[in-house]
Amino acid sequence: MKISYVYDEGPRKEDNYLIKDNLAGVFDGANSRTNFIDQQGLSGGQLAAQIVKDTFALDDRSLQDLAILANQNLKSQMMAHGVDTND
């Protein structure tokens, strides 16, 4: 199977994508509600999309299991960075 894609990495894009084996996904980082920027210069939305993408790239667990793990990883990392996760 051939997969073609277009991805615009503009200056404020907070989305990410993954194409790996039999998995293709798009991760919407959503626009940040705060001015948070991490040590690598990523906004909260960019960081969130990257964390979720990295989790889905880990292995071949079920999509449901990966989604649960991605949410756990996301919350853990946001809390570690001092981002309020109560909204």
Protein backbone atom coordinates (compact mmCIF):
# COMPACT_ATOMS: atom_id res chain seq x y z
CA MET A 1 0.00 0.00 0.00
CA LYS A 2 1.27 3.48 -0.85
CA ILE A 3 0.48 6.32 1.54
CA SER A 4 0.78 9.92 0.42
CA TYR A 5 0.42 12.89 2.73
CA VAL A 6 0.80 16.64 2.98
CA TYR A 7 1.87 18.22 6.25
CA ASP A 8 2.38 21.95 6.75
CA GLU A 9 4.73 22.67 9.68
CA GLY A 10 3.84 26.36 9.87
CA PRO A 11 5.04 28.47 12.80
CA ARG A 12 1.99 27.86 15.06
CA LYS A 13 0.91 24.38 14.03
CA GLU A 14 0.25 22.20 17.03
CA ASP A 15 -0.63 19.00 15.18
CA ASN A 16 1.42 15.88 14.58
CA TYR A 17 1.04 12.68 12.60
CA LEU A 18 2.27 9.09 12.66
CA ILE A 19 2.64 6.59 9.83
CA LYS A 20 4.06 3.32 11.12
CA ASP A 21 3.50 -0.22 9.87
CA ASN A 22 -0.29 -0.63 9.67
CA LEU A 23 -1.06 2.46 11.78
CA ALA A 24 -1.73 5.99 10.57
CA GLY A 25 -2.87 8.73 12.89
CA VAL A 26 -3.27 12.47 13.19
CA PHE A 27 -2.85 14.07 16.59
CA ASP A 28 -4.47 17.47 17.11
CA GLY A 29 -2.52 19.38 19.74
CA ALA A 30 -5.24 22.05 20.00
CA ASN A 31 -4.30 25.65 20.54
CA SER A 32 -2.77 26.28 23.92
CA ARG A 33 -4.86 28.23 26.38
CA THR A 34 -1.73 29.47 28.13
CA ASN A 35 1.63 30.84 27.06
CA PHE A 36 3.41 27.67 28.19
CA ILE A 37 6.64 26.87 26.32
CA ASP A 38 8.85 23.91 27.33
CA GLN A 39 12.65 23.69 27.30
CA GLN A 40 12.68 22.68 23.60
CA GLY A 41 10.44 25.61 22.62
CA LEU A 42 7.25 23.55 22.25
CA SER A 43 3.89 25.03 23.19
CA GLY A 44 1.51 23.02 25.36
CA GLY A 45 -0.43 21.89 22.28
CA GLN A 46 2.71 20.83 20.44
CA LEU A 47 3.96 18.97 23.49
CA ALA A 48 0.61 17.22 23.93
CA ALA A 49 0.51 16.09 20.30
CA GLN A 50 4.10 14.81 20.52
CA ILE A 51 3.44 12.87 23.75
CA VAL A 52 0.38 11.17 22.28
CA LYS A 53 2.15 10.41 18.99
CA ASP A 54 5.12 8.90 20.83
CA THR A 55 2.79 6.70 22.89
CA PHE A 56 0.97 5.36 19.82
CA ALA A 57 4.32 4.64 18.17
CA LEU A 58 5.41 2.38 21.08
CA ASP A 59 3.98 -0.98 20.09
CA ASP A 60 1.04 -2.92 18.70
CA ARG A 61 -1.37 -2.80 21.64
CA SER A 62 -5.04 -2.24 20.86
CA LEU A 63 -6.04 1.30 19.92
CA GLN A 64 -8.12 1.48 23.09
CA ASP A 65 -5.16 0.48 25.27
CA LEU A 66 -2.88 2.95 23.49
CA ALA A 67 -5.45 5.73 23.93
CA ILE A 68 -5.72 5.03 27.65
CA LEU A 69 -1.92 4.96 27.99
CA ALA A 70 -1.58 8.15 25.91
CA ASN A 71 -4.01 9.97 28.21
CA GLN A 72 -2.11 8.77 31.28
CA ASN A 73 1.23 9.84 29.76
CA LEU A 74 -0.20 13.19 28.71
CA LYS A 75 -1.59 13.97 32.16
CA SER A 76 1.64 12.87 33.83
CA GLN A 77 3.82 15.04 31.57
CA MET A 78 1.52 18.07 31.83
CA MET A 79 1.58 17.82 35.63
CA ALA A 80 5.38 17.44 35.58
CA HIS A 81 5.57 20.67 33.56
CA GLY A 82 3.21 22.46 35.98
CA VAL A 83 0.34 22.72 33.50
CA ASP A 84 -3.10 22.86 35.17
CA THR A 85 -5.01 19.75 34.04
CA ASN A 86 -8.26 20.48 35.88
CA ASP A 87 -10.11 22.13 32.95
